[in-house]
PDB file of N, CA and C in Angstrom:
ATOM      1  N   MET A   1     109.181  45.658  -0.119  1.00  0.00           N
ATOM      2  CA  MET A   1     109.039  47.068  -0.408  1.00  0.00           C
ATOM      3  C   MET A   1     108.111  47.791   0.622  1.00  0.00           C
ATOM      4  N   ILE A   2     106.911  47.064   0.815  1.00  0.00           N
ATOM      5  CA  ILE A   2     106.058  47.674   1.780  1.00  0.00           C
ATOM      6  C   ILE A   2     106.715  47.789   3.236  1.00  0.00           C
ATOM      7  N   LEU A   3     107.392  46.696   3.501  1.00  0.00           N
ATOM      8  CA  LEU A   3     108.002  46.672   4.813  1.00  0.00           C
ATOM      9  C   LEU A   3     109.049  47.739   5.007  1.00  0.00           C
ATOM     10  N   VAL A   4     109.765  48.019   3.988  1.00  0.00           N
ATOM     11  CA  VAL A   4     110.815  49.035   3.967  1.00  0.00           C
ATOM     12  C   VAL A   4     110.180  50.504   4.264  1.00  0.00           C
ATOM     13  N   VAL A   5     109.133  50.760   3.442  1.00  0.00           N
ATOM     14  CA  VAL A   5     108.301  51.945   3.655  1.00  0.00           C
ATOM     15  C   VAL A   5     107.677  52.098   5.025  1.00  0.00           C
ATOM     16  N   ALA A   6     107.260  50.927   5.505  1.00  0.00           N
ATOM     17  CA  ALA A   6     106.554  50.962   6.866  1.00  0.00           C
ATOM     18  C   ALA A   6     107.707  51.265   7.835  1.00  0.00           C
ATOM     19  N   VAL A   7     108.867  50.663   7.699  1.00  0.00           N
ATOM     20  CA  VAL A   7     109.954  50.958   8.648  1.00  0.00           C
ATOM     21  C   VAL A   7     110.380  52.411   8.633  1.00  0.00           C
ATOM     22  N   ILE A   8     110.462  52.889   7.430  1.00  0.00           N
ATOM     23  CA  ILE A   8     110.824  54.310   7.253  1.00  0.00           C
ATOM     24  C   ILE A   8     109.809  55.242   7.836  1.00  0.00           C
ATOM     25  N   PHE A   9     108.547  55.010   7.651  1.00  0.00           N
ATOM     26  CA  PHE A   9     107.534  55.790   8.270  1.00  0.00           C
ATOM     27  C   PHE A   9     107.470  55.669   9.739  1.00  0.00           C
ATOM     28  N   SER A  10     107.779  54.452  10.269  1.00  0.00           N
ATOM     29  CA  SER A  10     107.770  54.247  11.701  1.00  0.00           C
ATOM     30  C   SER A  10     108.931  55.077  12.361  1.00  0.00           C
ATOM     31  N   VAL A  11     110.031  54.984  11.698  1.00  0.00           N
ATOM     32  CA  VAL A  11     111.280  55.866  12.221  1.00  0.00           C
ATOM     33  C   VAL A  11     110.875  57.337  12.204  1.00  0.00           C
ATOM     34  N   LEU A  12     110.284  57.820  11.156  1.00  0.00           N
ATOM     35  CA  LEU A  12     109.815  59.191  10.945  1.00  0.00           C
ATOM     36  C   LEU A  12     108.845  59.559  12.084  1.00  0.00           C
ATOM     37  N   SER A  13     107.953  58.640  12.258  1.00  0.00           N
ATOM     38  CA  SER A  13     106.973  58.956  13.283  1.00  0.00           C
ATOM     39  C   SER A  13     107.443  59.089  14.700  1.00  0.00           C
ATOM     40  N   VAL A  14     108.425  58.261  15.025  1.00  0.00           N
ATOM     41  CA  VAL A  14     109.170  58.298  16.259  1.00  0.00           C
ATOM     42  C   VAL A  14     109.871  59.696  16.458  1.00  0.00           C
ATOM     43  N   LEU A  15     110.661  59.972  15.342  1.00  0.00           N
ATOM     44  CA  LEU A  15     111.423  61.229  15.374  1.00  0.00           C
ATOM     45  C   LEU A  15     110.430  62.485  15.454  1.00  0.00           C
ATOM     46  N   TYR A  16     109.288  62.393  14.781  1.00  0.00           N
ATOM     47  CA  TYR A  16     108.312  63.416  14.685  1.00  0.00           C
ATOM     48  C   TYR A  16     107.761  63.633  16.182  1.00  0.00           C
ATOM     49  N   ILE A  17     107.574  62.612  16.786  1.00  0.00           N
ATOM     50  CA  ILE A  17     107.002  62.654  18.150  1.00  0.00           C
ATOM     51  C   ILE A  17     108.002  63.171  19.173  1.00  0.00           C
ATOM     52  N   LEU A  18     109.259  62.583  19.135  1.00  0.00           N
ATOM     53  CA  LEU A  18     110.325  62.852  20.163  1.00  0.00           C
ATOM     54  C   LEU A  18     110.956  64.197  19.961  1.00  0.00           C
ATOM     55  N   TYR A  19     111.078  64.694  18.792  1.00  0.00           N
ATOM     56  CA  TYR A  19     111.884  65.938  18.526  1.00  0.00           C
ATOM     57  C   TYR A  19     111.305  67.110  19.338  1.00  0.00           C
ATOM     58  N   PRO A  20     109.922  67.294  19.214  1.00  0.00           N
ATOM     59  CA  PRO A  20     109.385  68.500  19.955  1.00  0.00           C
ATOM     60  C   PRO A  20     109.647  68.350  21.546  1.00  0.00           C
ATOM     61  N   ILE A  21     109.617  67.064  21.919  1.00  0.00           N
ATOM     62  CA  ILE A  21     109.805  66.844  23.460  1.00  0.00           C
ATOM     63  C   ILE A  21     111.193  67.297  23.858  1.00  0.00           C
ATOM     64  N   PHE A  22     112.284  66.849  23.129  1.00  0.00           N
ATOM     65  CA  PHE A  22     113.584  67.287  23.287  1.00  0.00           C
ATOM     66  C   PHE A  22     113.811  68.784  23.158  1.00  0.00           C
ATOM     67  N   LEU A  23     113.080  69.381  22.287  1.00  0.00           N
ATOM     68  CA  LEU A  23     113.246  70.784  21.985  1.00  0.00           C
ATOM     69  C   LEU A  23     112.715  71.585  23.128  1.00  0.00           C
ATOM     70  N   LYS A  24     111.444  71.224  23.607  1.00  0.00           N
ATOM     71  CA  LYS A  24     110.789  71.927  24.719  1.00  0.00           C
ATOM     72  C   LYS A  24     111.662  71.710  26.028  1.00  0.00           C
ATOM     73  N   LYS A  25     112.173  70.498  26.234  1.00  0.00           N
ATOM     74  CA  LYS A  25     112.912  70.230  27.401  1.00  0.00           C
ATOM     75  C   LYS A  25     114.219  71.144  27.421  1.00  0.00           C
ATOM     76  N   ALA A  26     114.837  71.242  26.264  1.00  0.00           N
ATOM     77  CA  ALA A  26     116.035  72.038  26.176  1.00  0.00           C
ATOM     78  C   ALA A  26     115.691  73.563  26.387  1.00  0.00           C
ATOM     79  N   LYS A  27     114.640  74.019  25.918  1.00  0.00           N
ATOM     80  CA  LYS A  27     114.343  75.410  26.157  1.00  0.00           C
ATOM     81  C   LYS A  27     113.804  75.724  27.455  1.00  0.00           C
ATOM     82  N   ASN A  28     113.144  74.822  28.149  1.00  0.00           N
ATOM     83  CA  ASN A  28     112.653  74.998  29.440  1.00  0.00           C
ATOM     84  C   ASN A  28     113.596  74.926  30.628  1.00  0.00           C
ATOM     85  N   GLU A  29     114.655  74.112  30.433  1.00  0.00           N
ATOM     86  CA  GLU A  29     115.558  73.957  31.539  1.00  0.00           C
ATOM     87  C   GLU A  29     116.670  74.983  31.412  1.00  0.00           C
ATOM     88  N   THR A  30     117.215  75.326  32.512  1.00  0.00           N
ATOM     89  CA  THR A  30     118.357  76.171  32.518  1.00  0.00           C
ATOM     90  C   THR A  30     119.570  75.344  32.212  1.00  0.00           C
ATOM     91  N   VAL A  31     120.162  75.567  31.135  1.00  0.00           N
ATOM     92  CA  VAL A  31     121.244  74.730  30.631  1.00  0.00           C
ATOM     93  C   VAL A  31     122.536  75.389  31.040  1.00  0.00           C
ATOM     94  N   THR A  32     123.292  74.676  31.875  1.00  0.00           N
ATOM     95  CA  THR A  32     124.680  75.172  32.246  1.00  0.00           C
ATOM     96  C   THR A  32     125.556  73.941  32.289  1.00  0.00           C
ATOM     97  N   GLY A  33     126.864  74.257  32.090  1.00  0.00           N
ATOM     98  CA  GLY A  33     127.952  73.250  32.154  1.00  0.00           C
ATOM     99  C   GLY A  33     127.508  71.862  31.449  1.00  0.00           C
ATOM    100  N   LYS A  34     127.255  70.835  32.332  1.00  0.00           N
ATOM    101  CA  LYS A  34     126.945  69.489  31.917  1.00  0.00           C
ATOM    102  C   LYS A  34     125.664  69.506  31.036  1.00  0.00           C
ATOM    103  N   GLY A  35     124.695  70.264  31.414  1.00  0.00           N
ATOM    104  CA  GLY A  35     123.428  70.323  30.681  1.00  0.00           C
ATOM    105  C   GLY A  35     123.643  70.776  29.180  1.00  0.00           C
ATOM    106  N   VAL A  36     124.556  71.673  28.959  1.00  0.00           N
ATOM    107  CA  VAL A  36     124.834  72.172  27.572  1.00  0.00           C
ATOM    108  C   VAL A  36     125.557  70.952  26.805  1.00  0.00           C
ATOM    109  N   GLU A  37     126.463  70.310  27.464  1.00  0.00           N
ATOM    110  CA  GLU A  37     127.109  69.187  26.871  1.00  0.00           C
ATOM    111  C   GLU A  37     126.228  68.001  26.524  1.00  0.00           C
ATOM    112  N   GLU A  38     125.283  67.635  27.426  1.00  0.00           N
ATOM    113  CA  GLU A  38     124.356  66.637  27.251  1.00  0.00           C
ATOM    114  C   GLU A  38     123.401  66.970  26.045  1.00  0.00           C
ATOM    115  N   GLN A  39     122.988  68.259  26.067  1.00  0.00           N
ATOM    116  CA  GLN A  39     122.041  68.684  24.993  1.00  0.00           C
ATOM    117  C   GLN A  39     122.775  68.601  23.600  1.00  0.00           C
ATOM    118  N   MET A  40     123.918  69.042  23.679  1.00  0.00           N
ATOM    119  CA  MET A  40     124.755  69.112  22.350  1.00  0.00           C
ATOM    120  C   MET A  40     124.959  67.595  21.913  1.00  0.00           C
ATOM    121  N   ASN A  41     125.225  66.675  22.857  1.00  0.00           N
ATOM    122  CA  ASN A  41     125.386  65.327  22.427  1.00  0.00           C
ATOM    123  C   ASN A  41     124.103  64.708  21.832  1.00  0.00           C
ATOM    124  N   ILE A  42     122.993  65.063  22.439  1.00  0.00           N
ATOM    125  CA  ILE A  42     121.720  64.620  21.860  1.00  0.00           C
ATOM    126  C   ILE A  42     121.516  65.159  20.468  1.00  0.00           C
ATOM    127  N   LEU A  43     121.779  66.397  20.274  1.00  0.00           N
ATOM    128  CA  LEU A  43     121.625  67.130  18.983  1.00  0.00           C
ATOM    129  C   LEU A  43     122.453  66.450  17.929  1.00  0.00           C
ATOM    130  N   ILE A  44     123.806  66.198  18.321  1.00  0.00           N
ATOM    131  CA  ILE A  44     124.617  65.628  17.377  1.00  0.00           C
ATOM    132  C   ILE A  44     124.190  64.161  17.099  1.00  0.00           C
ATOM    133  N   LYS A  45     123.754  63.471  18.026  1.00  0.00           N
ATOM    134  CA  LYS A  45     123.160  62.094  17.718  1.00  0.00           C
ATOM    135  C   LYS A  45     121.963  62.191  16.833  1.00  0.00           C
ATOM    136  N   GLN A  46     121.094  63.059  17.040  1.00  0.00           N
ATOM    137  CA  GLN A  46     119.900  63.265  16.105  1.00  0.00           C
ATOM    138  C   GLN A  46     120.329  63.622  14.758  1.00  0.00           C
ATOM    139  N   LYS A  47     121.344  64.507  14.631  1.00  0.00           N
ATOM    140  CA  LYS A  47     121.922  64.895  13.265  1.00  0.00           C
ATOM    141  C   LYS A  47     122.418  63.701  12.563  1.00  0.00           C
ATOM    142  N   LYS A  48     123.170  62.856  13.276  1.00  0.00           N
ATOM    143  CA  LYS A  48     123.695  61.573  12.666  1.00  0.00           C
ATOM    144  C   LYS A  48     122.661  60.710  12.216  1.00  0.00           C
ATOM    145  N   GLN A  49     121.623  60.569  13.068  1.00  0.00           N
ATOM    146  CA  GLN A  49     120.486  59.670  12.799  1.00  0.00           C
ATOM    147  C   GLN A  49     119.773  60.147  11.423  1.00  0.00           C
ATOM    148  N   ILE A  50     119.520  61.449  11.295  1.00  0.00           N
ATOM    149  CA  ILE A  50     118.883  62.048  10.135  1.00  0.00           C
ATOM    150  C   ILE A  50     119.736  61.781   8.960  1.00  0.00           C
ATOM    151  N   TYR A  51     121.071  61.991   9.062  1.00  0.00           N
ATOM    152  CA  TYR A  51     121.918  61.753   7.901  1.00  0.00           C
ATOM    153  C   TYR A  51     121.888  60.333   7.433  1.00  0.00           C
ATOM    154  N   SER A  52     121.876  59.459   8.465  1.00  0.00           N
ATOM    155  CA  SER A  52     121.824  57.969   8.189  1.00  0.00           C
ATOM    156  C   SER A  52     120.556  57.696   7.498  1.00  0.00           C
ATOM    157  N   LEU A  53     119.460  58.232   7.892  1.00  0.00           N
ATOM    158  CA  LEU A  53     118.123  57.966   7.315  1.00  0.00           C
ATOM    159  C   LEU A  53     118.097  58.432   5.927  1.00  0.00           C
ATOM    160  N   LEU A  54     118.773  59.639   5.599  1.00  0.00           N
ATOM    161  CA  LEU A  54     118.859  60.153   4.253  1.00  0.00           C
ATOM    162  C   LEU A  54     119.625  59.224   3.375  1.00  0.00           C
ATOM    163  N   LYS A  55     120.690  58.738   3.863  1.00  0.00           N
ATOM    164  CA  LYS A  55     121.576  57.800   3.064  1.00  0.00           C
ATOM    165  C   LYS A  55     120.805  56.580   2.827  1.00  0.00           C
ATOM    166  N   ASP A  56     120.094  55.966   3.790  1.00  0.00           N
ATOM    167  CA  ASP A  56     119.324  54.840   3.640  1.00  0.00           C
ATOM    168  C   ASP A  56     118.172  55.037   2.597  1.00  0.00           C
ATOM    169  N   LEU A  57     117.523  56.142   2.668  1.00  0.00           N
ATOM    170  CA  LEU A  57     116.444  56.536   1.847  1.00  0.00           C
ATOM    171  C   LEU A  57     116.970  56.559   0.345  1.00  0.00           C
ATOM    172  N   GLU A  58     118.123  57.222   0.190  1.00  0.00           N
ATOM    173  CA  GLU A  58     118.710  57.287  -1.190  1.00  0.00           C
ATOM    174  C   GLU A  58     119.082  55.926  -1.752  1.00  0.00           C
ATOM    175  N   PHE A  59     119.497  54.996  -0.849  1.00  0.00           N
ATOM    176  CA  PHE A  59     119.793  53.646  -1.209  1.00  0.00           C
ATOM    177  C   PHE A  59     118.510  52.954  -1.739  1.00  0.00           C
ATOM    178  N   GLU A  60     117.436  53.152  -0.836  1.00  0.00           N
ATOM    179  CA  GLU A  60     116.197  52.544  -1.171  1.00  0.00           C
ATOM    180  C   GLU A  60     115.566  52.972  -2.565  1.00  0.00           C
ATOM    181  N   TYR A  61     115.819  54.293  -2.844  1.00  0.00           N
ATOM    182  CA  TYR A  61     115.309  54.803  -4.090  1.00  0.00           C
ATOM    183  C   TYR A  61     116.166  54.214  -5.242  1.00  0.00           C
ATOM    184  N   GLU A  62     117.367  54.298  -5.111  1.00  0.00           N
ATOM    185  CA  GLU A  62     118.385  53.839  -6.166  1.00  0.00           C
ATOM    186  C   GLU A  62     118.204  52.333  -6.497  1.00  0.00           C
ATOM    187  N   THR A  63     117.683  51.598  -5.541  1.00  0.00           N
ATOM    188  CA  THR A  63     117.442  50.146  -5.837  1.00  0.00           C
ATOM    189  C   THR A  63     116.036  49.810  -6.103  1.00  0.00           C
ATOM    190  N   ASN A  64     115.288  50.927  -6.395  1.00  0.00           N
ATOM    191  CA  ASN A  64     113.807  50.895  -6.818  1.00  0.00           C
ATOM    192  C   ASN A  64     112.899  50.248  -5.748  1.00  0.00           C
ATOM    193  N   LYS A  65     113.198  50.489  -4.505  1.00  0.00           N
ATOM    194  CA  LYS A  65     112.381  49.928  -3.446  1.00  0.00           C
ATOM    195  C   LYS A  65     111.352  50.889  -3.028  1.00  0.00           C
ATOM    196  N   ILE A  66     111.512  52.105  -3.348  1.00  0.00           N
ATOM    197  CA  ILE A  66     110.416  53.163  -3.163  1.00  0.00           C
ATOM    198  C   ILE A  66     110.237  54.015  -4.314  1.00  0.00           C
ATOM    199  N   SER A  67     109.035  54.576  -4.371  1.00  0.00           N
ATOM    200  CA  SER A  67     108.717  55.420  -5.554  1.00  0.00           C
ATOM    201  C   SER A  67     109.470  56.715  -5.516  1.00  0.00           C
ATOM    202  N   LYS A  68     109.563  57.409  -6.717  1.00  0.00           N
ATOM    203  CA  LYS A  68     110.132  58.710  -6.710  1.00  0.00           C
ATOM    204  C   LYS A  68     109.364  59.725  -5.832  1.00  0.00           C
ATOM    205  N   LYS A  69     108.026  59.633  -5.839  1.00  0.00           N
ATOM    206  CA  LYS A  69     107.206  60.506  -5.062  1.00  0.00           C
ATOM    207  C   LYS A  69     107.453  60.331  -3.561  1.00  0.00           C
ATOM    208  N   ASP A  70     107.458  59.095  -3.140  1.00  0.00           N
ATOM    209  CA  ASP A  70     107.740  58.862  -1.627  1.00  0.00           C
ATOM    210  C   ASP A  70     109.139  59.344  -1.356  1.00  0.00           C
ATOM    211  N   PHE A  71     110.189  58.983  -2.274  1.00  0.00           N
ATOM    212  CA  PHE A  71     111.493  59.446  -2.014  1.00  0.00           C
ATOM    213  C   PHE A  71     111.491  60.903  -1.821  1.00  0.00           C
ATOM    214  N   GLU A  72     111.076  61.737  -2.655  1.00  0.00           N
ATOM    215  CA  GLU A  72     111.131  63.157  -2.663  1.00  0.00           C
ATOM    216  C   GLU A  72     110.447  63.661  -1.341  1.00  0.00           C
ATOM    217  N   LYS A  73     109.316  63.150  -1.074  1.00  0.00           N
ATOM    218  CA  LYS A  73     108.598  63.598   0.186  1.00  0.00           C
ATOM    219  C   LYS A  73     109.426  63.313   1.482  1.00  0.00           C
ATOM    220  N   LEU A  74     109.821  62.084   1.544  1.00  0.00           N
ATOM    221  CA  LEU A  74     110.635  61.761   2.708  1.00  0.00           C
ATOM    222  C   LEU A  74     111.961  62.481   2.735  1.00  0.00           C
ATOM    223  N   ARG A  75     112.642  62.675   1.662  1.00  0.00           N
ATOM    224  CA  ARG A  75     113.916  63.421   1.601  1.00  0.00           C
ATOM    225  C   ARG A  75     113.624  64.858   2.143  1.00  0.00           C
ATOM    226  N   GLU A  76     112.589  65.442   1.607  1.00  0.00           N
ATOM    227  CA  GLU A  76     112.380  66.859   2.009  1.00  0.00           C
ATOM    228  C   GLU A  76     112.010  66.860   3.565  1.00  0.00           C
ATOM    229  N   GLU A  77     111.326  65.994   4.113  1.00  0.00           N
ATOM    230  CA  GLU A  77     111.033  65.899   5.590  1.00  0.00           C
ATOM    231  C   GLU A  77     112.332  65.719   6.351  1.00  0.00           C
ATOM    232  N   TYR A  78     113.205  64.844   5.844  1.00  0.00           N
ATOM    233  CA  TYR A  78     114.474  64.677   6.475  1.00  0.00           C
ATOM    234  C   TYR A  78     115.419  65.875   6.486  1.00  0.00           C
ATOM    235  N   LYS A  79     115.417  66.575   5.316  1.00  0.00           N
ATOM    236  CA  LYS A  79     116.162  67.782   5.153  1.00  0.00           C
ATOM    237  C   LYS A  79     115.660  68.865   6.116  1.00  0.00           C
ATOM    238  N   ILE A  80     114.357  69.011   6.253  1.00  0.00           N
ATOM    239  CA  ILE A  80     113.834  69.999   7.176  1.00  0.00           C
ATOM    240  C   ILE A  80     114.319  69.710   8.626  1.00  0.00           C
ATOM    241  N   LYS A  81     114.189  68.407   9.028  1.00  0.00           N
ATOM    242  CA  LYS A  81     114.547  68.019  10.323  1.00  0.00           C
ATOM    243  C   LYS A  81     116.114  68.277  10.501  1.00  0.00           C
ATOM    244  N   ALA A  82     116.847  67.964   9.562  1.00  0.00           N
ATOM    245  CA  ALA A  82     118.280  68.200   9.656  1.00  0.00           C
ATOM    246  C   ALA A  82     118.561  69.669   9.874  1.00  0.00           C
ATOM    247  N   ILE A  83     117.917  70.450   9.080  1.00  0.00           N
ATOM    248  CA  ILE A  83     118.198  71.926   9.138  1.00  0.00           C
ATOM    249  C   ILE A  83     117.752  72.469  10.545  1.00  0.00           C
ATOM    250  N   LEU A  84     116.659  71.965  11.140  1.00  0.00           N
ATOM    251  CA  LEU A  84     116.224  72.327  12.468  1.00  0.00           C
ATOM    252  C   LEU A  84     117.244  71.924  13.455  1.00  0.00           C
ATOM    253  N   ILE A  85     117.876  70.800  13.420  1.00  0.00           N
ATOM    254  CA  ILE A  85     118.801  70.225  14.401  1.00  0.00           C
ATOM    255  C   ILE A  85     120.024  71.083  14.181  1.00  0.00           C
ATOM    256  N   ILE A  86     120.509  71.305  12.987  1.00  0.00           N
ATOM    257  CA  ILE A  86     121.779  72.078  12.772  1.00  0.00           C
ATOM    258  C   ILE A  86     121.585  73.541  13.345  1.00  0.00           C
ATOM    259  N   LYS A  87     120.486  74.114  13.141  1.00  0.00           N
ATOM    260  CA  LYS A  87     120.235  75.404  13.685  1.00  0.00           C
ATOM    261  C   LYS A  87     120.340  75.381  15.268  1.00  0.00           C
ATOM    262  N   GLU A  88     119.730  74.327  15.845  1.00  0.00           N
ATOM    263  CA  GLU A  88     119.775  74.149  17.262  1.00  0.00           C
ATOM    264  C   GLU A  88     121.202  74.064  17.729  1.00  0.00           C
ATOM    265  N   ILE A  89     121.983  73.206  17.014  1.00  0.00           N
ATOM    266  CA  ILE A  89     123.384  73.073  17.399  1.00  0.00           C
ATOM    267  C   ILE A  89     124.154  74.370  17.397  1.00  0.00           C
ATOM    268  N   LYS A  90     123.852  75.083  16.301  1.00  0.00           N
ATOM    269  CA  LYS A  90     124.622  76.411  16.150  1.00  0.00           C
ATOM    270  C   LYS A  90     124.121  77.366  17.315  1.00  0.00           C
ATOM    271  N   GLY A  91     122.844  77.326  17.673  1.00  0.00           N
ATOM    272  CA  GLY A  91     122.330  78.107  18.806  1.00  0.00           C
ATOM    273  C   GLY A  91     122.924  77.703  20.137  1.00  0.00           C
ATOM    274  N   GLN A  92     123.123  76.468  20.354  1.00  0.00           N
ATOM    275  CA  GLN A  92     123.781  75.895  21.540  1.00  0.00           C
ATOM    276  C   GLN A  92     125.227  76.437  21.614  1.00  0.00           C
ATOM    277  N   ASN A  93     125.898  76.410  20.446  1.00  0.00           N
ATOM    278  CA  ASN A  93     127.296  76.906  20.368  1.00  0.00           C
ATOM    279  C   ASN A  93     127.382  78.415  20.773  1.00  0.00           C
ATOM    280  N   ILE A  94     126.438  79.180  20.253  1.00  0.00           N
ATOM    281  CA  ILE A  94     126.425  80.629  20.625  1.00  0.00           C
ATOM    282  C   ILE A  94     126.163  80.783  22.119  1.00  0.00           C
ATOM    283  N   GLU A  95     125.303  80.040  22.695  1.00  0.00           N
ATOM    284  CA  GLU A  95     124.984  80.104  24.136  1.00  0.00           C
ATOM    285  C   GLU A  95     126.216  79.794  24.969  1.00  0.00           C
ATOM    286  N   CYS A  96     126.951  78.669  24.553  1.00  0.00           N
ATOM    287  CA  CYS A  96     128.102  78.303  25.140  1.00  0.00           C
ATOM    288  C   CYS A  96     129.185  79.398  25.295  1.00  0.00           C
ATOM    289  N   LYS A  97     129.313  80.177  24.181  1.00  0.00           N
ATOM    290  CA  LYS A  97     130.378  81.237  24.154  1.00  0.00           C
ATOM    291  C   LYS A  97     130.001  82.399  24.941  1.00  0.00           C
ATOM    292  N   ASN A  98     128.701  82.625  25.129  1.00  0.00           N
ATOM    293  CA  ASN A  98     128.283  83.790  25.930  1.00  0.00           C
ATOM    294  C   ASN A  98     128.457  83.541  27.420  1.00  0.00           C
TER     295      ASN A  98
END
């Protein structure tokens, strides 16, 4: 159980550290053509990773490997990250159309 929680926190830490880097890079570079497509692919991959983490987290909770408190805290963090990614994807779609 401790190992599972440690792995989950490790993944969260990596995402927490890398997400702002990708976000700043995307905002600072002039995104045209291929850059938009690459950024969109990154965002879609991040969204899938977050969804996968949510699914794994729910499984861990249902099998009593993590506490309800930890589950709720991590689920909320994942949901916030997913929302940010989805907003960024929608923002990229708007930029592509203009």
